[in-house]
N, C-alpha and C. Protein backbone atom coordinates (compact mmCIF):
# COMPACT_ATOMS: atom_id res chain seq x y z
N MET A 1 0.85 -1.20 0.00
CA MET A 1 0.00 0.00 0.00
C MET A 1 0.88 1.24 0.00
N ALA A 2 0.53 2.24 -0.83
CA ALA A 2 1.33 3.45 -0.93
C ALA A 2 1.25 4.25 0.36
N ALA A 3 2.40 4.81 0.74
CA ALA A 3 2.43 5.67 1.92
C ALA A 3 1.74 6.99 1.60
N THR A 4 1.16 7.59 2.62
CA THR A 4 0.45 8.86 2.47
C THR A 4 1.28 9.99 3.05
N ILE A 5 1.47 11.03 2.25
CA ILE A 5 2.25 12.20 2.66
C ILE A 5 1.35 13.42 2.69
N LEU A 6 1.49 14.22 3.74
CA LEU A 6 0.83 15.51 3.82
C LEU A 6 1.90 16.59 3.68
N ILE A 7 1.83 17.37 2.60
CA ILE A 7 2.77 18.46 2.37
C ILE A 7 2.12 19.76 2.83
N VAL A 8 2.80 20.47 3.73
CA VAL A 8 2.25 21.69 4.30
C VAL A 8 3.17 22.85 3.96
N ASP A 9 2.70 23.74 3.09
CA ASP A 9 3.50 24.90 2.68
C ASP A 9 2.54 25.96 2.17
N ASP A 10 2.80 27.22 2.50
CA ASP A 10 1.89 28.28 2.07
C ASP A 10 2.29 28.89 0.73
N GLU A 11 3.33 28.34 0.09
CA GLU A 11 3.72 28.81 -1.24
C GLU A 11 3.13 27.88 -2.30
N PRO A 12 2.15 28.35 -3.09
CA PRO A 12 1.53 27.48 -4.10
C PRO A 12 2.53 26.87 -5.07
N MET A 13 3.60 27.61 -5.39
CA MET A 13 4.59 27.08 -6.34
C MET A 13 5.28 25.84 -5.77
N VAL A 14 5.55 25.85 -4.46
CA VAL A 14 6.20 24.70 -3.82
C VAL A 14 5.27 23.48 -3.90
N ILE A 15 4.01 23.70 -3.58
CA ILE A 15 3.03 22.61 -3.64
C ILE A 15 2.90 22.08 -5.06
N ASP A 16 2.85 23.00 -6.03
CA ASP A 16 2.66 22.60 -7.44
C ASP A 16 3.82 21.76 -7.96
N VAL A 17 4.99 21.94 -7.38
CA VAL A 17 6.16 21.15 -7.82
C VAL A 17 6.27 19.86 -7.01
N MET A 18 6.08 19.94 -5.71
CA MET A 18 6.31 18.79 -4.85
C MET A 18 5.23 17.72 -5.00
N ARG A 19 3.98 18.15 -5.17
CA ARG A 19 2.90 17.16 -5.24
C ARG A 19 3.09 16.18 -6.39
N PRO A 20 3.25 16.65 -7.63
CA PRO A 20 3.42 15.68 -8.73
C PRO A 20 4.70 14.87 -8.61
N PHE A 21 5.74 15.46 -8.03
CA PHE A 21 6.99 14.71 -7.85
C PHE A 21 6.76 13.48 -6.99
N PHE A 22 6.12 13.66 -5.84
CA PHE A 22 5.90 12.53 -4.95
C PHE A 22 4.83 11.57 -5.47
N GLU A 23 3.86 12.11 -6.20
CA GLU A 23 2.87 11.22 -6.81
C GLU A 23 3.52 10.31 -7.85
N ARG A 24 4.47 10.84 -8.61
CA ARG A 24 5.18 10.02 -9.59
C ARG A 24 6.00 8.93 -8.90
N GLU A 25 6.40 9.18 -7.67
CA GLU A 25 7.17 8.19 -6.92
C GLU A 25 6.28 7.18 -6.22
N GLY A 26 4.97 7.30 -6.43
CA GLY A 26 4.06 6.30 -5.91
C GLY A 26 3.38 6.63 -4.60
N PHE A 27 3.53 7.85 -4.10
CA PHE A 27 2.92 8.24 -2.84
C PHE A 27 1.52 8.81 -3.05
N THR A 28 0.68 8.66 -2.06
CA THR A 28 -0.60 9.36 -2.03
C THR A 28 -0.35 10.69 -1.33
N VAL A 29 -0.69 11.79 -1.97
CA VAL A 29 -0.29 13.11 -1.48
C VAL A 29 -1.50 13.98 -1.18
N TYR A 30 -1.49 14.60 -0.01
CA TYR A 30 -2.45 15.63 0.37
C TYR A 30 -1.67 16.89 0.69
N THR A 31 -2.35 18.02 0.66
CA THR A 31 -1.65 19.28 0.91
C THR A 31 -2.46 20.17 1.85
N ALA A 32 -1.75 21.12 2.45
CA ALA A 32 -2.37 22.14 3.30
C ALA A 32 -1.52 23.39 3.20
N ALA A 33 -2.14 24.55 3.40
CA ALA A 33 -1.44 25.82 3.20
C ALA A 33 -1.33 26.66 4.46
N SER A 34 -1.78 26.14 5.60
CA SER A 34 -1.68 26.89 6.86
C SER A 34 -1.58 25.90 8.01
N GLY A 35 -1.20 26.42 9.17
CA GLY A 35 -1.10 25.57 10.34
C GLY A 35 -2.42 24.92 10.73
N PRO A 36 -3.49 25.70 10.89
CA PRO A 36 -4.78 25.10 11.24
C PRO A 36 -5.27 24.09 10.21
N GLU A 37 -5.08 24.41 8.91
CA GLU A 37 -5.50 23.47 7.88
C GLU A 37 -4.69 22.17 7.96
N ALA A 38 -3.40 22.29 8.30
CA ALA A 38 -2.55 21.10 8.42
C ALA A 38 -3.08 20.17 9.50
N LEU A 39 -3.47 20.74 10.64
CA LEU A 39 -4.00 19.92 11.73
C LEU A 39 -5.31 19.26 11.34
N GLU A 40 -6.16 19.99 10.62
CA GLU A 40 -7.43 19.43 10.17
C GLU A 40 -7.21 18.29 9.18
N ARG A 41 -6.31 18.51 8.22
CA ARG A 41 -6.05 17.50 7.21
C ARG A 41 -5.40 16.26 7.83
N ALA A 42 -4.51 16.48 8.77
CA ALA A 42 -3.86 15.35 9.43
C ALA A 42 -4.89 14.49 10.16
N GLU A 43 -5.87 15.14 10.77
CA GLU A 43 -6.93 14.42 11.48
C GLU A 43 -7.81 13.65 10.50
N GLU A 44 -8.00 14.20 9.30
CA GLU A 44 -8.87 13.57 8.30
C GLU A 44 -8.20 12.38 7.61
N VAL A 45 -6.95 12.56 7.18
CA VAL A 45 -6.34 11.56 6.29
C VAL A 45 -5.32 10.65 6.99
N HIS A 46 -4.94 10.99 8.23
CA HIS A 46 -3.98 10.17 8.98
C HIS A 46 -2.74 9.84 8.15
N PRO A 47 -1.95 10.85 7.79
CA PRO A 47 -0.79 10.61 6.92
C PRO A 47 0.29 9.79 7.62
N ASP A 48 1.09 9.11 6.82
CA ASP A 48 2.25 8.39 7.36
C ASP A 48 3.39 9.35 7.64
N LEU A 49 3.42 10.48 6.90
CA LEU A 49 4.52 11.43 7.06
C LEU A 49 4.07 12.83 6.65
N LEU A 50 4.58 13.83 7.36
CA LEU A 50 4.37 15.23 7.00
C LEU A 50 5.66 15.85 6.53
N ILE A 51 5.60 16.61 5.44
CA ILE A 51 6.67 17.52 5.05
C ILE A 51 6.16 18.90 5.41
N LEU A 52 6.76 19.48 6.43
CA LEU A 52 6.14 20.61 7.12
C LEU A 52 7.01 21.86 7.04
N ASP A 53 6.48 22.90 6.42
CA ASP A 53 7.19 24.17 6.35
C ASP A 53 7.21 24.83 7.73
N TRP A 54 8.30 25.53 8.02
CA TRP A 54 8.45 26.18 9.33
C TRP A 54 7.50 27.37 9.47
N MET A 55 7.52 28.25 8.47
CA MET A 55 6.75 29.50 8.53
C MET A 55 5.41 29.30 7.85
N LEU A 56 4.34 29.30 8.65
CA LEU A 56 2.99 29.09 8.13
C LEU A 56 2.04 30.11 8.72
N PRO A 57 1.01 30.51 7.97
CA PRO A 57 0.00 31.41 8.53
C PRO A 57 -0.90 30.67 9.52
N GLY A 58 -1.35 31.39 10.53
CA GLY A 58 -2.31 30.83 11.48
C GLY A 58 -1.69 30.10 12.64
N LYS A 59 -0.69 29.29 12.36
CA LYS A 59 0.01 28.51 13.39
C LYS A 59 1.33 28.06 12.78
N SER A 60 2.42 28.23 13.49
CA SER A 60 3.73 27.92 12.93
C SER A 60 3.91 26.41 12.73
N GLY A 61 4.87 26.07 11.86
CA GLY A 61 5.19 24.67 11.65
C GLY A 61 5.65 24.00 12.93
N LEU A 62 6.37 24.74 13.78
CA LEU A 62 6.81 24.17 15.06
C LEU A 62 5.62 23.81 15.94
N ASP A 63 4.63 24.70 15.99
CA ASP A 63 3.44 24.42 16.80
C ASP A 63 2.67 23.23 16.24
N VAL A 64 2.57 23.15 14.91
CA VAL A 64 1.90 22.02 14.28
C VAL A 64 2.63 20.72 14.61
N CYS A 65 3.96 20.76 14.50
CA CYS A 65 4.78 19.60 14.82
C CYS A 65 4.54 19.14 16.25
N LYS A 66 4.55 20.08 17.17
CA LYS A 66 4.38 19.75 18.59
C LYS A 66 3.01 19.13 18.85
N GLU A 67 1.96 19.69 18.24
CA GLU A 67 0.61 19.17 18.46
C GLU A 67 0.44 17.78 17.87
N ILE A 68 0.94 17.59 16.65
CA ILE A 68 0.80 16.28 16.01
C ILE A 68 1.63 15.24 16.74
N ARG A 69 2.84 15.61 17.14
CA ARG A 69 3.68 14.66 17.87
C ARG A 69 3.05 14.29 19.21
N GLY A 70 2.32 15.23 19.81
CA GLY A 70 1.68 14.93 21.08
C GLY A 70 0.58 13.90 20.97
N SER A 71 0.01 13.75 19.77
CA SER A 71 -1.09 12.80 19.58
C SER A 71 -0.66 11.54 18.86
N SER A 72 0.54 11.55 18.23
CA SER A 72 0.98 10.37 17.49
C SER A 72 2.50 10.30 17.44
N ARG A 73 3.07 9.18 17.87
CA ARG A 73 4.52 8.99 17.79
C ARG A 73 4.92 8.36 16.47
N LYS A 74 3.96 7.75 15.77
CA LYS A 74 4.33 6.94 14.61
C LYS A 74 4.28 7.70 13.29
N VAL A 75 3.76 8.91 13.27
CA VAL A 75 3.78 9.68 12.04
C VAL A 75 5.16 10.32 11.90
N GLY A 76 5.73 10.25 10.68
CA GLY A 76 7.01 10.88 10.44
C GLY A 76 6.83 12.38 10.17
N ILE A 77 7.79 13.17 10.61
CA ILE A 77 7.72 14.62 10.40
C ILE A 77 9.08 15.13 9.94
N ILE A 78 9.10 15.75 8.76
CA ILE A 78 10.30 16.38 8.23
C ILE A 78 10.03 17.87 8.12
N MET A 79 10.83 18.67 8.81
CA MET A 79 10.70 20.13 8.73
C MET A 79 11.43 20.63 7.49
N LEU A 80 10.75 21.47 6.74
CA LEU A 80 11.30 22.03 5.50
C LEU A 80 11.26 23.55 5.64
N THR A 81 12.44 24.19 5.63
CA THR A 81 12.45 25.61 5.93
C THR A 81 13.69 26.31 5.39
N ALA A 82 13.57 27.61 5.21
CA ALA A 82 14.70 28.43 4.78
C ALA A 82 15.60 28.79 5.94
N ARG A 83 15.18 28.46 7.17
CA ARG A 83 15.98 28.78 8.35
C ARG A 83 17.01 27.66 8.54
N ALA A 84 18.28 27.98 8.28
CA ALA A 84 19.32 26.96 8.29
C ALA A 84 20.23 27.05 9.51
N ASP A 85 19.92 27.94 10.46
CA ASP A 85 20.74 28.09 11.66
C ASP A 85 20.68 26.82 12.50
N GLU A 86 21.81 26.43 13.09
CA GLU A 86 21.86 25.19 13.89
C GLU A 86 20.88 25.24 15.05
N THR A 87 20.71 26.42 15.67
CA THR A 87 19.78 26.54 16.79
C THR A 87 18.36 26.23 16.34
N ASP A 88 17.99 26.69 15.16
CA ASP A 88 16.66 26.40 14.64
C ASP A 88 16.50 24.92 14.36
N ARG A 89 17.55 24.31 13.83
CA ARG A 89 17.48 22.88 13.52
C ARG A 89 17.28 22.06 14.79
N VAL A 90 18.03 22.40 15.83
CA VAL A 90 17.89 21.69 17.10
C VAL A 90 16.51 21.91 17.69
N LEU A 91 15.99 23.14 17.59
CA LEU A 91 14.66 23.42 18.10
C LEU A 91 13.62 22.58 17.39
N GLY A 92 13.73 22.47 16.07
CA GLY A 92 12.79 21.65 15.32
C GLY A 92 12.83 20.20 15.76
N LEU A 93 14.03 19.65 15.97
CA LEU A 93 14.15 18.28 16.43
C LEU A 93 13.59 18.10 17.82
N GLU A 94 13.79 19.10 18.68
CA GLU A 94 13.28 19.00 20.04
C GLU A 94 11.76 19.09 20.10
N MET A 95 11.15 19.69 19.10
CA MET A 95 9.70 19.72 19.04
C MET A 95 9.11 18.41 18.53
N GLY A 96 10.00 17.49 18.11
CA GLY A 96 9.52 16.17 17.71
C GLY A 96 9.73 15.83 16.25
N ALA A 97 10.37 16.72 15.48
CA ALA A 97 10.62 16.40 14.08
C ALA A 97 11.64 15.27 13.97
N ASP A 98 11.49 14.43 12.96
CA ASP A 98 12.45 13.34 12.72
C ASP A 98 13.64 13.82 11.91
N ASP A 99 13.43 14.87 11.12
CA ASP A 99 14.52 15.37 10.29
C ASP A 99 14.22 16.81 9.93
N TYR A 100 15.23 17.47 9.38
CA TYR A 100 15.17 18.90 9.09
C TYR A 100 15.98 19.11 7.82
N ILE A 101 15.38 19.70 6.80
CA ILE A 101 16.11 19.95 5.56
C ILE A 101 15.89 21.40 5.13
N PRO A 102 16.98 22.16 4.95
CA PRO A 102 16.85 23.57 4.61
C PRO A 102 16.57 23.80 3.13
N LYS A 103 15.87 24.89 2.83
CA LYS A 103 15.70 25.33 1.45
C LYS A 103 16.92 26.16 1.05
N PRO A 104 17.32 26.13 -0.23
CA PRO A 104 16.83 25.24 -1.29
C PRO A 104 17.33 23.82 -1.07
N PHE A 105 16.62 22.85 -1.63
CA PHE A 105 16.96 21.47 -1.38
C PHE A 105 16.90 20.67 -2.68
N SER A 106 17.54 19.52 -2.65
CA SER A 106 17.47 18.58 -3.76
C SER A 106 16.26 17.68 -3.56
N PHE A 107 15.44 17.52 -4.59
CA PHE A 107 14.28 16.64 -4.48
C PHE A 107 14.70 15.20 -4.22
N ARG A 108 15.81 14.79 -4.79
CA ARG A 108 16.28 13.42 -4.59
C ARG A 108 16.72 13.22 -3.15
N GLU A 109 17.36 14.23 -2.58
CA GLU A 109 17.76 14.13 -1.17
C GLU A 109 16.52 14.08 -0.28
N LEU A 110 15.56 14.94 -0.56
CA LEU A 110 14.32 14.94 0.23
C LEU A 110 13.62 13.59 0.11
N LEU A 111 13.57 13.04 -1.10
CA LEU A 111 12.94 11.73 -1.29
C LEU A 111 13.66 10.66 -0.48
N ALA A 112 14.99 10.70 -0.48
CA ALA A 112 15.76 9.72 0.28
C ALA A 112 15.45 9.83 1.77
N ARG A 113 15.32 11.04 2.25
CA ARG A 113 15.03 11.23 3.68
C ARG A 113 13.61 10.79 4.01
N VAL A 114 12.68 11.08 3.12
CA VAL A 114 11.30 10.62 3.32
C VAL A 114 11.27 9.10 3.42
N ARG A 115 11.94 8.43 2.51
CA ARG A 115 11.94 6.97 2.52
C ARG A 115 12.64 6.42 3.76
N ALA A 116 13.69 7.10 4.22
CA ALA A 116 14.40 6.64 5.42
C ALA A 116 13.51 6.74 6.65
N VAL A 117 12.78 7.85 6.79
CA VAL A 117 11.89 8.00 7.94
C VAL A 117 10.76 6.97 7.89
N LEU A 118 10.17 6.78 6.71
CA LEU A 118 9.09 5.80 6.58
C LEU A 118 9.59 4.39 6.84
N ARG A 119 10.78 4.09 6.38
CA ARG A 119 11.35 2.76 6.62
C ARG A 119 11.57 2.53 8.11
N ARG A 120 12.01 3.56 8.79
CA ARG A 120 12.25 3.45 10.24
C ARG A 120 10.94 3.20 10.98
N ILE A 121 9.88 3.89 10.57
CA ILE A 121 8.58 3.69 11.20
C ILE A 121 8.08 2.28 10.93
N ASP A 122 8.22 1.81 9.68
CA ASP A 122 7.79 0.45 9.33
C ASP A 122 8.55 -0.59 10.13
N ASP A 123 9.85 -0.38 10.31
CA ASP A 123 10.66 -1.34 11.06
C ASP A 123 10.19 -1.45 12.50
N ASN A 124 9.74 -0.33 13.05
CA ASN A 124 9.32 -0.32 14.45
C ASN A 124 7.90 -0.83 14.65
N SER A 125 7.12 -0.90 13.58
CA SER A 125 5.72 -1.31 13.72
C SER A 125 5.49 -2.72 13.17
N GLY A 126 6.56 -3.42 12.82
CA GLY A 126 6.43 -4.77 12.29
C GLY A 126 5.89 -5.74 13.31
N GLU A 127 5.47 -6.90 12.85
CA GLU A 127 4.86 -7.88 13.72
C GLU A 127 5.86 -8.86 14.33
N GLU A 128 7.11 -8.84 13.89
CA GLU A 128 8.09 -9.78 14.40
C GLU A 128 8.40 -9.48 15.86
N GLU A 129 8.37 -10.51 16.71
CA GLU A 129 8.66 -10.35 18.13
C GLU A 129 10.15 -10.18 18.32
N THR A 130 10.56 -9.08 18.93
CA THR A 130 11.97 -8.83 19.16
C THR A 130 12.32 -8.85 20.63
N GLY A 131 11.35 -8.92 21.53
CA GLY A 131 11.64 -9.03 22.95
C GLY A 131 11.63 -7.70 23.67
N VAL A 132 11.04 -7.68 24.84
CA VAL A 132 11.01 -6.49 25.68
C VAL A 132 12.35 -6.34 26.39
N LEU A 133 12.88 -5.12 26.45
CA LEU A 133 14.16 -4.85 27.11
C LEU A 133 13.89 -4.20 28.46
N TYR A 134 14.54 -4.73 29.51
CA TYR A 134 14.44 -4.17 30.85
C TYR A 134 15.81 -3.61 31.22
N ARG A 135 15.89 -2.29 31.33
CA ARG A 135 17.15 -1.63 31.59
C ARG A 135 16.97 -0.60 32.71
N GLY A 136 17.44 -0.95 33.91
CA GLY A 136 17.25 -0.05 35.03
C GLY A 136 15.78 0.20 35.29
N ASP A 137 15.38 1.46 35.30
CA ASP A 137 13.97 1.81 35.49
C ASP A 137 13.20 1.87 34.18
N LEU A 138 13.86 1.52 33.07
CA LEU A 138 13.23 1.60 31.76
C LEU A 138 12.72 0.23 31.30
N VAL A 139 11.59 0.24 30.64
CA VAL A 139 11.07 -0.92 29.93
C VAL A 139 10.86 -0.49 28.48
N ILE A 140 11.51 -1.18 27.56
CA ILE A 140 11.48 -0.81 26.14
C ILE A 140 10.86 -1.96 25.37
N ASP A 141 9.74 -1.69 24.72
CA ASP A 141 9.03 -2.73 23.97
C ASP A 141 9.09 -2.40 22.49
N PRO A 142 10.01 -3.03 21.74
CA PRO A 142 10.15 -2.73 20.31
C PRO A 142 8.91 -3.08 19.49
N GLN A 143 8.18 -4.12 19.90
CA GLN A 143 7.01 -4.52 19.13
C GLN A 143 5.89 -3.50 19.26
N LYS A 144 5.69 -3.00 20.47
CA LYS A 144 4.62 -2.02 20.70
C LYS A 144 5.09 -0.58 20.47
N PHE A 145 6.42 -0.42 20.25
CA PHE A 145 6.97 0.92 20.02
C PHE A 145 6.68 1.82 21.21
N GLN A 146 6.91 1.27 22.43
CA GLN A 146 6.61 2.01 23.65
C GLN A 146 7.77 1.90 24.64
N VAL A 147 7.91 2.94 25.45
CA VAL A 147 8.92 2.99 26.51
C VAL A 147 8.24 3.48 27.78
N TRP A 148 8.58 2.82 28.90
CA TRP A 148 8.07 3.25 30.20
C TRP A 148 9.23 3.48 31.14
N LYS A 149 9.09 4.48 32.00
CA LYS A 149 10.06 4.72 33.06
C LYS A 149 9.31 4.73 34.38
N ARG A 150 9.64 3.78 35.24
CA ARG A 150 8.96 3.61 36.53
C ARG A 150 7.44 3.57 36.35
N GLY A 151 7.01 2.87 35.30
CA GLY A 151 5.59 2.68 35.06
C GLY A 151 4.91 3.78 34.29
N GLU A 152 5.60 4.90 34.04
CA GLU A 152 5.03 6.01 33.28
C GLU A 152 5.54 5.96 31.85
N GLU A 153 4.60 6.02 30.89
CA GLU A 153 5.02 5.95 29.49
C GLU A 153 5.78 7.21 29.09
N VAL A 154 6.85 7.02 28.33
CA VAL A 154 7.68 8.11 27.81
C VAL A 154 7.41 8.24 26.32
N SER A 155 7.04 9.41 25.88
CA SER A 155 6.72 9.64 24.46
C SER A 155 7.99 9.98 23.69
N LEU A 156 8.33 9.11 22.72
CA LEU A 156 9.52 9.32 21.89
C LEU A 156 9.14 9.42 20.43
N THR A 157 9.94 10.16 19.67
CA THR A 157 9.78 10.20 18.23
C THR A 157 10.35 8.90 17.65
N PRO A 158 10.03 8.57 16.39
CA PRO A 158 10.61 7.36 15.79
C PRO A 158 12.13 7.32 15.83
N ALA A 159 12.78 8.45 15.54
CA ALA A 159 14.24 8.49 15.55
C ALA A 159 14.78 8.27 16.95
N GLU A 160 14.17 8.91 17.95
CA GLU A 160 14.61 8.74 19.33
C GLU A 160 14.46 7.29 19.77
N PHE A 161 13.32 6.69 19.43
CA PHE A 161 13.09 5.30 19.83
C PHE A 161 14.12 4.38 19.21
N GLN A 162 14.40 4.57 17.92
CA GLN A 162 15.34 3.68 17.23
C GLN A 162 16.74 3.80 17.82
N ILE A 163 17.16 5.02 18.14
CA ILE A 163 18.47 5.22 18.75
C ILE A 163 18.51 4.56 20.13
N LEU A 164 17.47 4.77 20.93
CA LEU A 164 17.42 4.18 22.27
C LEU A 164 17.45 2.65 22.18
N GLN A 165 16.64 2.08 21.30
CA GLN A 165 16.60 0.63 21.16
C GLN A 165 17.96 0.07 20.75
N THR A 166 18.60 0.73 19.77
CA THR A 166 19.90 0.26 19.30
C THR A 166 20.92 0.23 20.42
N LEU A 167 20.98 1.30 21.21
CA LEU A 167 21.94 1.37 22.31
C LEU A 167 21.59 0.38 23.41
N ALA A 168 20.30 0.29 23.75
CA ALA A 168 19.87 -0.55 24.88
C ALA A 168 20.01 -2.03 24.59
N GLU A 169 19.98 -2.42 23.34
CA GLU A 169 20.12 -3.84 23.00
C GLU A 169 21.50 -4.38 23.33
N ARG A 170 22.50 -3.49 23.39
CA ARG A 170 23.88 -3.93 23.67
C ARG A 170 24.52 -2.99 24.68
N PRO A 171 24.11 -3.08 25.93
CA PRO A 171 24.68 -2.20 26.98
C PRO A 171 26.20 -2.32 27.03
N GLY A 172 26.85 -1.19 27.20
CA GLY A 172 28.29 -1.15 27.31
C GLY A 172 29.02 -1.05 25.99
N VAL A 173 28.34 -1.38 24.89
CA VAL A 173 28.97 -1.30 23.57
C VAL A 173 28.96 0.15 23.09
N VAL A 174 30.10 0.63 22.65
CA VAL A 174 30.22 2.02 22.21
C VAL A 174 29.90 2.12 20.73
N TYR A 175 29.00 3.05 20.40
CA TYR A 175 28.64 3.33 19.01
C TYR A 175 29.14 4.72 18.64
N SER A 176 29.78 4.84 17.49
CA SER A 176 30.11 6.16 16.97
C SER A 176 28.84 6.79 16.41
N ARG A 177 28.89 8.07 16.15
CA ARG A 177 27.74 8.75 15.53
C ARG A 177 27.42 8.10 14.18
N LEU A 178 28.46 7.81 13.42
CA LEU A 178 28.25 7.22 12.10
C LEU A 178 27.58 5.85 12.22
N GLN A 179 28.00 5.05 13.19
CA GLN A 179 27.38 3.74 13.39
C GLN A 179 25.91 3.87 13.77
N LEU A 180 25.60 4.85 14.61
CA LEU A 180 24.21 5.06 14.99
C LEU A 180 23.38 5.52 13.80
N LEU A 181 23.96 6.36 12.96
CA LEU A 181 23.25 6.79 11.75
C LEU A 181 22.95 5.60 10.85
N ARG A 182 23.95 4.75 10.65
CA ARG A 182 23.75 3.58 9.78
C ARG A 182 22.72 2.62 10.38
N ALA A 183 22.77 2.45 11.69
CA ALA A 183 21.90 1.48 12.34
C ALA A 183 20.47 1.96 12.49
N THR A 184 20.29 3.26 12.60
CA THR A 184 18.97 3.76 12.95
C THR A 184 18.33 4.69 11.94
N LEU A 185 19.12 5.48 11.24
CA LEU A 185 18.55 6.52 10.39
C LEU A 185 18.77 6.29 8.91
N GLY A 186 19.63 5.34 8.54
CA GLY A 186 19.78 5.03 7.13
C GLY A 186 20.88 5.82 6.44
N ASN A 187 21.27 5.37 5.26
CA ASN A 187 22.37 5.97 4.53
C ASN A 187 22.10 7.40 4.08
N ALA A 188 20.85 7.80 4.01
CA ALA A 188 20.53 9.16 3.57
C ALA A 188 21.08 10.20 4.54
N TYR A 189 21.45 9.78 5.77
CA TYR A 189 21.86 10.72 6.80
C TYR A 189 23.36 10.75 7.03
N LEU A 190 24.13 10.04 6.23
CA LEU A 190 25.52 9.82 6.58
C LEU A 190 26.36 11.09 6.59
N ASN A 191 25.90 12.15 6.02
CA ASN A 191 26.63 13.42 6.08
C ASN A 191 26.10 14.34 7.18
N TYR A 192 25.27 13.79 8.05
CA TYR A 192 24.63 14.60 9.08
C TYR A 192 24.83 13.96 10.46
N GLU A 193 26.10 13.63 10.78
CA GLU A 193 26.38 12.92 12.01
C GLU A 193 25.95 13.70 13.24
N ARG A 194 26.02 15.01 13.21
CA ARG A 194 25.66 15.81 14.38
C ARG A 194 24.17 15.76 14.69
N THR A 195 23.36 15.28 13.73
CA THR A 195 21.94 15.09 14.02
C THR A 195 21.76 14.15 15.20
N VAL A 196 22.65 13.16 15.34
CA VAL A 196 22.57 12.23 16.45
C VAL A 196 22.66 12.96 17.78
N ASP A 197 23.53 13.96 17.87
CA ASP A 197 23.69 14.70 19.13
C ASP A 197 22.39 15.34 19.57
N SER A 198 21.65 15.89 18.61
CA SER A 198 20.37 16.53 18.94
C SER A 198 19.38 15.51 19.48
N HIS A 199 19.30 14.34 18.83
CA HIS A 199 18.39 13.31 19.30
C HIS A 199 18.81 12.77 20.67
N ILE A 200 20.10 12.60 20.89
CA ILE A 200 20.59 12.13 22.19
C ILE A 200 20.24 13.14 23.29
N SER A 201 20.44 14.41 23.00
CA SER A 201 20.12 15.45 23.98
C SER A 201 18.65 15.41 24.37
N HIS A 202 17.79 15.26 23.36
CA HIS A 202 16.36 15.21 23.64
C HIS A 202 15.99 13.94 24.40
N LEU A 203 16.60 12.81 24.05
CA LEU A 203 16.37 11.55 24.74
C LEU A 203 16.72 11.67 26.22
N ARG A 204 17.86 12.26 26.49
CA ARG A 204 18.30 12.40 27.88
C ARG A 204 17.31 13.21 28.71
N LYS A 205 16.76 14.24 28.11
CA LYS A 205 15.77 15.05 28.84
C LYS A 205 14.54 14.24 29.20
N LYS A 206 14.26 13.21 28.40
CA LYS A 206 13.05 12.41 28.62
C LYS A 206 13.27 11.22 29.55
N ILE A 207 14.47 10.62 29.54
CA ILE A 207 14.63 9.37 30.27
C ILE A 207 15.59 9.45 31.45
N GLU A 208 16.43 10.48 31.51
CA GLU A 208 17.40 10.58 32.59
C GLU A 208 16.84 11.35 33.78
N ASP A 209 17.19 10.93 35.00
CA ASP A 209 16.84 11.71 36.19
C ASP A 209 17.59 13.03 36.19
N ASP A 210 18.85 12.98 35.76
CA ASP A 210 19.69 14.17 35.67
C ASP A 210 20.36 14.17 34.30
N PRO A 211 19.78 14.86 33.30
CA PRO A 211 20.35 14.84 31.95
C PRO A 211 21.81 15.28 31.88
N ALA A 212 22.23 16.11 32.85
CA ALA A 212 23.62 16.57 32.86
C ALA A 212 24.57 15.49 33.37
N ASN A 213 24.03 14.48 34.03
CA ASN A 213 24.82 13.36 34.54
C ASN A 213 24.14 12.05 34.16
N PRO A 214 24.12 11.74 32.86
CA PRO A 214 23.31 10.62 32.37
C PRO A 214 23.81 9.26 32.85
N GLN A 215 22.85 8.40 33.18
CA GLN A 215 23.17 7.03 33.58
C GLN A 215 22.84 6.03 32.48
N TYR A 216 21.88 6.39 31.63
CA TYR A 216 21.47 5.48 30.56
C TYR A 216 22.31 5.69 29.31
N ILE A 217 22.25 6.87 28.74
CA ILE A 217 22.99 7.14 27.50
C ILE A 217 24.22 7.95 27.86
N GLN A 218 25.35 7.28 27.82
CA GLN A 218 26.60 7.86 28.28
C GLN A 218 27.48 8.27 27.10
N THR A 219 28.16 9.38 27.24
CA THR A 219 29.09 9.86 26.22
C THR A 219 30.46 9.24 26.44
N VAL A 220 31.04 8.72 25.38
CA VAL A 220 32.43 8.27 25.41
C VAL A 220 33.20 9.29 24.58
N HIS A 221 33.88 10.19 25.23
CA HIS A 221 34.48 11.34 24.56
C HIS A 221 35.45 10.92 23.46
N GLY A 222 35.28 11.55 22.32
CA GLY A 222 36.12 11.26 21.19
C GLY A 222 35.71 10.04 20.39
N VAL A 223 34.68 9.33 20.88
CA VAL A 223 34.24 8.11 20.19
C VAL A 223 32.77 8.16 19.84
N GLY A 224 31.89 8.26 20.85
CA GLY A 224 30.46 8.25 20.57
C GLY A 224 29.64 8.04 21.83
N TYR A 225 28.72 7.08 21.81
CA TYR A 225 27.79 6.86 22.91
C TYR A 225 27.67 5.38 23.24
N ARG A 226 27.30 5.10 24.49
CA ARG A 226 27.00 3.73 24.91
C ARG A 226 25.85 3.77 25.90
N PHE A 227 25.18 2.63 26.06
CA PHE A 227 24.13 2.50 27.05
C PHE A 227 24.74 1.94 28.32
N GLY A 228 24.36 2.52 29.47
CA GLY A 228 24.89 2.08 30.75
C GLY A 228 24.54 0.64 31.04
N GLU A 229 25.40 0.01 31.81
CA GLU A 229 25.16 -1.39 32.19
C GLU A 229 24.48 -1.44 33.55
N PHE A 230 23.33 -2.11 33.61
CA PHE A 230 22.53 -2.21 34.83
C PHE A 230 22.40 -3.66 35.24
N ARG A 231 22.41 -3.90 36.54
CA ARG A 231 22.18 -5.26 37.05
C ARG A 231 20.68 -5.53 37.17
């Protein structure tokens, strides 16, 4: 079944180019031109992924991202914007976006990132039993795509969940940023190793008692990250 994409941009020219491009690639495409319309359309069509412009009338792309992420962890969200500052990129990821691509962009690169996010979501929602992980106060269920800390569910984005699962499956094993990208985000991201740092930072805020002194996701300086070993 073809994946469904909701493209949200207030520039008609962008919509007129992007819609036929993704339709030719086999996607079912819906569009919206404002923040409120994006939320309405998302509720109506239940897209698998949003390509979401940052600057929108009525409600910003960041606000739309936050609201949609609050109601669904399994929908992919790619922020598309002319704002290329690193602070903006980190903010977008912290609001729950899976990826961030600045304008102007290559359609082939955007397509690769769309497919990588959708593949990650599909991998996490498969029916194959992979086993529940018990790590300290965390319970990680790859089949249900859920994480609990001391009995309270923790809401993670698809990218955050995949990184956490990869690290937690092999406590004590050190992963470089590049290894985490290959294992969790796909080859489309191999030139964006610092994206991992943003996801790790956000993960720590959600699962660590003290993000400044992490016990679960530990930094190995000059190498990468590892998951703490718990008895």
